[in-house]
Amino acid sequence: MLYATALFSISYFFPFSIPSLLLLSLLVLQDDQVDKRVNTNGVRIIQHIDDGDDNDRILALWLFLSSSTTGYSLFFFSFLLLSVFLFFAPMAVQHPP
């Protein structure tokens, strides 16, 4: 219950910090393999060196989602749903008397 409350508070009051921290950690880990460019809209485009790995596409998709408004909305909505589920799930379990 405490975990669900903490997760709900974090996702409700700091919806932008969690994706930003994860994005920053990905950039730090992959910094030597990426070429960073910014387009005219200010959205960061990360072009990974093509070595035939599927992680390139996953990294590009992750960075696109976490750098766009749609991505922030999706992250906020998913954390909110997870928090609500974790908060109400223990109440749905019926304990024997």
N, C-alpha and C. Protein backbone atom coordinates (compact mmCIF):
# COMPACT_ATOMS: atom_id res chain seq x y z
N MET A 1 0.82 -1.19 0.00
CA MET A 1 0.00 0.00 0.00
C MET A 1 0.87 1.26 0.00
N LEU A 2 1.92 1.23 0.78
CA LEU A 2 2.83 2.37 0.81
C LEU A 2 3.52 2.56 -0.54
N TYR A 3 3.89 1.44 -1.17
CA TYR A 3 4.53 1.49 -2.49
C TYR A 3 3.59 2.11 -3.52
N ALA A 4 2.31 1.71 -3.50
CA ALA A 4 1.34 2.24 -4.45
C ALA A 4 1.11 3.73 -4.23
N THR A 5 1.05 4.14 -2.97
CA THR A 5 0.86 5.55 -2.67
C THR A 5 2.06 6.37 -3.13
N ALA A 6 3.26 5.86 -2.89
CA ALA A 6 4.46 6.57 -3.32
C ALA A 6 4.53 6.66 -4.84
N LEU A 7 4.20 5.56 -5.51
CA LEU A 7 4.21 5.57 -6.97
C LEU A 7 3.18 6.54 -7.53
N PHE A 8 2.01 6.58 -6.90
CA PHE A 8 0.97 7.50 -7.34
C PHE A 8 1.43 8.95 -7.14
N SER A 9 2.04 9.25 -5.99
CA SER A 9 2.49 10.62 -5.75
C SER A 9 3.56 11.04 -6.74
N ILE A 10 4.50 10.13 -6.99
CA ILE A 10 5.58 10.47 -7.93
C ILE A 10 5.02 10.69 -9.32
N SER A 11 4.13 9.79 -9.76
CA SER A 11 3.61 9.91 -11.13
C SER A 11 2.66 11.09 -11.27
N TYR A 12 2.00 11.48 -10.19
CA TYR A 12 1.05 12.59 -10.29
C TYR A 12 1.76 13.94 -10.23
N PHE A 13 2.71 14.08 -9.34
CA PHE A 13 3.34 15.38 -9.16
C PHE A 13 4.60 15.58 -10.01
N PHE A 14 5.24 14.49 -10.42
CA PHE A 14 6.46 14.61 -11.22
C PHE A 14 6.37 13.72 -12.46
N PRO A 15 5.39 13.98 -13.34
CA PRO A 15 5.24 13.08 -14.49
C PRO A 15 6.38 13.20 -15.50
N PHE A 16 7.10 14.32 -15.49
CA PHE A 16 8.14 14.52 -16.49
C PHE A 16 9.51 14.07 -16.00
N SER A 17 9.66 13.86 -14.72
CA SER A 17 11.00 13.56 -14.21
C SER A 17 11.41 12.12 -14.49
N ILE A 18 10.47 11.18 -14.41
CA ILE A 18 10.82 9.77 -14.60
C ILE A 18 11.27 9.49 -16.03
N PRO A 19 10.52 9.92 -17.07
CA PRO A 19 11.03 9.70 -18.43
C PRO A 19 12.33 10.45 -18.69
N SER A 20 12.47 11.63 -18.09
CA SER A 20 13.70 12.39 -18.30
C SER A 20 14.90 11.68 -17.71
N LEU A 21 14.74 11.11 -16.52
CA LEU A 21 15.85 10.39 -15.90
C LEU A 21 16.20 9.14 -16.69
N LEU A 22 15.18 8.41 -17.16
CA LEU A 22 15.45 7.22 -17.96
C LEU A 22 16.09 7.59 -19.28
N LEU A 23 15.63 8.67 -19.88
CA LEU A 23 16.22 9.14 -21.14
C LEU A 23 17.67 9.54 -20.92
N LEU A 24 17.93 10.23 -19.83
CA LEU A 24 19.29 10.65 -19.53
C LEU A 24 20.20 9.45 -19.32
N SER A 25 19.69 8.43 -18.61
CA SER A 25 20.51 7.24 -18.39
C SER A 25 20.79 6.52 -19.70
N LEU A 26 19.79 6.47 -20.61
CA LEU A 26 20.03 5.86 -21.91
C LEU A 26 21.06 6.64 -22.71
N LEU A 27 20.98 7.96 -22.65
CA LEU A 27 21.94 8.78 -23.39
C LEU A 27 23.35 8.62 -22.84
N VAL A 28 23.46 8.50 -21.52
CA VAL A 28 24.78 8.32 -20.92
C VAL A 28 25.35 6.96 -21.31
N LEU A 29 24.50 5.92 -21.30
CA LEU A 29 24.97 4.58 -21.63
C LEU A 29 25.32 4.45 -23.11
N GLN A 30 24.56 5.12 -23.97
CA GLN A 30 24.73 4.95 -25.41
C GLN A 30 25.43 6.15 -26.06
N ASP A 31 26.07 7.00 -25.28
CA ASP A 31 26.57 8.27 -25.80
C ASP A 31 27.63 8.08 -26.87
N ASP A 32 28.45 7.05 -26.76
CA ASP A 32 29.51 6.87 -27.75
C ASP A 32 28.98 6.28 -29.05
N GLN A 33 27.73 5.82 -29.08
CA GLN A 33 27.21 5.17 -30.27
C GLN A 33 26.13 5.98 -30.98
N VAL A 34 25.78 7.15 -30.47
CA VAL A 34 24.68 7.90 -31.07
C VAL A 34 25.17 9.20 -31.67
N ASP A 35 24.44 9.67 -32.67
CA ASP A 35 24.70 10.96 -33.29
C ASP A 35 23.49 11.83 -32.99
N LYS A 36 23.69 12.88 -32.19
CA LYS A 36 22.57 13.69 -31.75
C LYS A 36 22.35 14.87 -32.70
N ARG A 37 21.11 15.04 -33.11
CA ARG A 37 20.75 16.19 -33.94
C ARG A 37 19.41 16.73 -33.47
N VAL A 38 19.18 18.02 -33.67
CA VAL A 38 17.92 18.63 -33.29
C VAL A 38 17.30 19.21 -34.56
N ASN A 39 16.03 18.87 -34.81
CA ASN A 39 15.38 19.41 -36.01
C ASN A 39 14.78 20.78 -35.73
N THR A 40 14.05 21.35 -36.70
CA THR A 40 13.55 22.71 -36.57
C THR A 40 12.48 22.84 -35.50
N ASN A 41 11.79 21.75 -35.16
CA ASN A 41 10.77 21.81 -34.12
C ASN A 41 11.36 21.67 -32.73
N GLY A 42 12.63 21.44 -32.62
CA GLY A 42 13.26 21.29 -31.33
C GLY A 42 13.18 19.88 -30.78
N VAL A 43 12.60 18.96 -31.55
CA VAL A 43 12.52 17.58 -31.08
C VAL A 43 13.86 16.91 -31.38
N ARG A 44 14.40 16.29 -30.38
CA ARG A 44 15.71 15.66 -30.54
C ARG A 44 15.59 14.40 -31.38
N ILE A 45 16.40 14.32 -32.40
CA ILE A 45 16.43 13.12 -33.24
C ILE A 45 17.74 12.41 -32.96
N ILE A 46 17.64 11.18 -32.58
CA ILE A 46 18.82 10.39 -32.29
C ILE A 46 18.96 9.35 -33.40
N GLN A 47 20.06 9.43 -34.12
CA GLN A 47 20.30 8.45 -35.16
C GLN A 47 21.43 7.55 -34.69
N HIS A 48 21.08 6.33 -34.44
CA HIS A 48 22.05 5.36 -33.95
C HIS A 48 22.84 4.81 -35.13
N ILE A 49 24.09 4.50 -34.91
CA ILE A 49 24.91 3.89 -35.95
C ILE A 49 24.29 2.54 -36.29
N ASP A 50 24.04 2.30 -37.55
CA ASP A 50 23.34 1.09 -37.98
C ASP A 50 24.31 -0.08 -37.97
N ASP A 51 24.17 -0.93 -36.98
CA ASP A 51 25.00 -2.13 -36.92
C ASP A 51 24.15 -3.38 -37.05
N GLY A 52 22.92 -3.22 -37.54
CA GLY A 52 22.05 -4.38 -37.75
C GLY A 52 21.40 -4.88 -36.48
N ASP A 53 21.40 -4.07 -35.43
CA ASP A 53 20.84 -4.51 -34.15
C ASP A 53 19.45 -3.91 -33.98
N ASP A 54 18.53 -4.69 -33.40
CA ASP A 54 17.18 -4.20 -33.16
C ASP A 54 17.14 -3.16 -32.05
N ASN A 55 18.17 -3.09 -31.24
CA ASN A 55 18.20 -2.09 -30.17
C ASN A 55 18.23 -0.68 -30.74
N ASP A 56 18.69 -0.52 -32.00
CA ASP A 56 18.69 0.80 -32.62
C ASP A 56 17.28 1.34 -32.71
N ARG A 57 16.37 0.51 -33.20
CA ARG A 57 14.99 0.96 -33.37
C ARG A 57 14.33 1.20 -32.02
N ILE A 58 14.61 0.33 -31.05
CA ILE A 58 14.02 0.49 -29.72
C ILE A 58 14.51 1.79 -29.09
N LEU A 59 15.80 2.07 -29.21
CA LEU A 59 16.36 3.30 -28.65
C LEU A 59 15.77 4.53 -29.32
N ALA A 60 15.64 4.48 -30.66
CA ALA A 60 15.08 5.62 -31.38
C ALA A 60 13.63 5.85 -30.99
N LEU A 61 12.85 4.77 -30.86
CA LEU A 61 11.44 4.90 -30.47
C LEU A 61 11.33 5.44 -29.05
N TRP A 62 12.16 4.92 -28.15
CA TRP A 62 12.13 5.38 -26.76
C TRP A 62 12.45 6.87 -26.67
N LEU A 63 13.47 7.30 -27.40
CA LEU A 63 13.87 8.70 -27.33
C LEU A 63 12.83 9.61 -27.97
N PHE A 64 12.18 9.13 -29.04
CA PHE A 64 11.13 9.93 -29.67
C PHE A 64 9.95 10.09 -28.72
N LEU A 65 9.55 8.99 -28.08
CA LEU A 65 8.40 9.05 -27.18
C LEU A 65 8.69 9.92 -25.96
N SER A 66 9.90 9.82 -25.43
CA SER A 66 10.18 10.57 -24.22
C SER A 66 10.55 12.01 -24.50
N SER A 67 10.74 12.39 -25.77
CA SER A 67 11.06 13.79 -26.05
C SER A 67 9.89 14.54 -26.66
N SER A 68 8.77 13.89 -26.86
CA SER A 68 7.63 14.57 -27.46
C SER A 68 6.51 14.73 -26.45
N THR A 69 5.59 15.62 -26.74
CA THR A 69 4.45 15.84 -25.86
C THR A 69 3.59 14.60 -25.75
N THR A 70 3.43 13.89 -26.86
CA THR A 70 2.66 12.65 -26.84
C THR A 70 3.31 11.63 -25.93
N GLY A 71 4.63 11.57 -25.97
CA GLY A 71 5.34 10.64 -25.11
C GLY A 71 5.13 10.94 -23.64
N TYR A 72 5.19 12.24 -23.29
CA TYR A 72 4.96 12.60 -21.89
C TYR A 72 3.54 12.24 -21.46
N SER A 73 2.58 12.46 -22.35
CA SER A 73 1.20 12.11 -22.02
C SER A 73 1.05 10.60 -21.83
N LEU A 74 1.69 9.82 -22.70
CA LEU A 74 1.60 8.36 -22.58
C LEU A 74 2.25 7.88 -21.29
N PHE A 75 3.44 8.43 -20.96
CA PHE A 75 4.10 8.03 -19.73
C PHE A 75 3.26 8.40 -18.51
N PHE A 76 2.72 9.61 -18.51
CA PHE A 76 1.91 10.05 -17.38
C PHE A 76 0.68 9.17 -17.23
N PHE A 77 0.02 8.87 -18.35
CA PHE A 77 -1.19 8.05 -18.31
C PHE A 77 -0.87 6.63 -17.84
N SER A 78 0.24 6.07 -18.32
CA SER A 78 0.58 4.70 -17.91
C SER A 78 0.94 4.64 -16.43
N PHE A 79 1.70 5.63 -15.93
CA PHE A 79 2.03 5.64 -14.51
C PHE A 79 0.79 5.86 -13.65
N LEU A 80 -0.12 6.70 -14.14
CA LEU A 80 -1.36 6.94 -13.41
C LEU A 80 -2.20 5.68 -13.33
N LEU A 81 -2.33 4.97 -14.45
CA LEU A 81 -3.10 3.71 -14.45
C LEU A 81 -2.46 2.67 -13.54
N LEU A 82 -1.14 2.56 -13.61
CA LEU A 82 -0.45 1.60 -12.75
C LEU A 82 -0.63 1.95 -11.28
N SER A 83 -0.57 3.22 -10.96
CA SER A 83 -0.74 3.64 -9.57
C SER A 83 -2.14 3.34 -9.07
N VAL A 84 -3.15 3.63 -9.89
CA VAL A 84 -4.53 3.36 -9.49
C VAL A 84 -4.74 1.86 -9.32
N PHE A 85 -4.17 1.07 -10.24
CA PHE A 85 -4.31 -0.39 -10.13
C PHE A 85 -3.65 -0.91 -8.86
N LEU A 86 -2.44 -0.45 -8.58
CA LEU A 86 -1.74 -0.92 -7.38
C LEU A 86 -2.41 -0.44 -6.10
N PHE A 87 -3.09 0.69 -6.18
CA PHE A 87 -3.78 1.22 -5.00
C PHE A 87 -5.05 0.42 -4.70
N PHE A 88 -5.82 0.08 -5.75
CA PHE A 88 -7.10 -0.58 -5.53
C PHE A 88 -7.03 -2.10 -5.59
N ALA A 89 -5.95 -2.67 -6.10
CA ALA A 89 -5.86 -4.13 -6.21
C ALA A 89 -5.93 -4.83 -4.85
N PRO A 90 -5.24 -4.35 -3.81
CA PRO A 90 -5.36 -5.04 -2.52
C PRO A 90 -6.77 -4.98 -1.94
N MET A 91 -7.53 -3.94 -2.27
CA MET A 91 -8.89 -3.84 -1.76
C MET A 91 -9.83 -4.84 -2.43
N ALA A 92 -9.48 -5.25 -3.64
CA ALA A 92 -10.34 -6.18 -4.37
C ALA A 92 -10.17 -7.62 -3.89
N VAL A 93 -9.05 -7.89 -3.23
CA VAL A 93 -8.81 -9.25 -2.73
C VAL A 93 -9.62 -9.45 -1.46
N GLN A 94 -10.41 -10.50 -1.43
CA GLN A 94 -11.23 -10.77 -0.25
C GLN A 94 -10.47 -11.72 0.68
N HIS A 95 -10.24 -11.23 1.87
CA HIS A 95 -9.53 -12.04 2.85
C HIS A 95 -10.55 -12.81 3.70
N PRO A 96 -10.26 -14.05 4.01
CA PRO A 96 -11.18 -14.81 4.87
C PRO A 96 -11.19 -14.24 6.28
N PRO A 97 -12.31 -14.29 6.95
CA PRO A 97 -12.39 -13.73 8.31
C PRO A 97 -11.58 -14.53 9.32
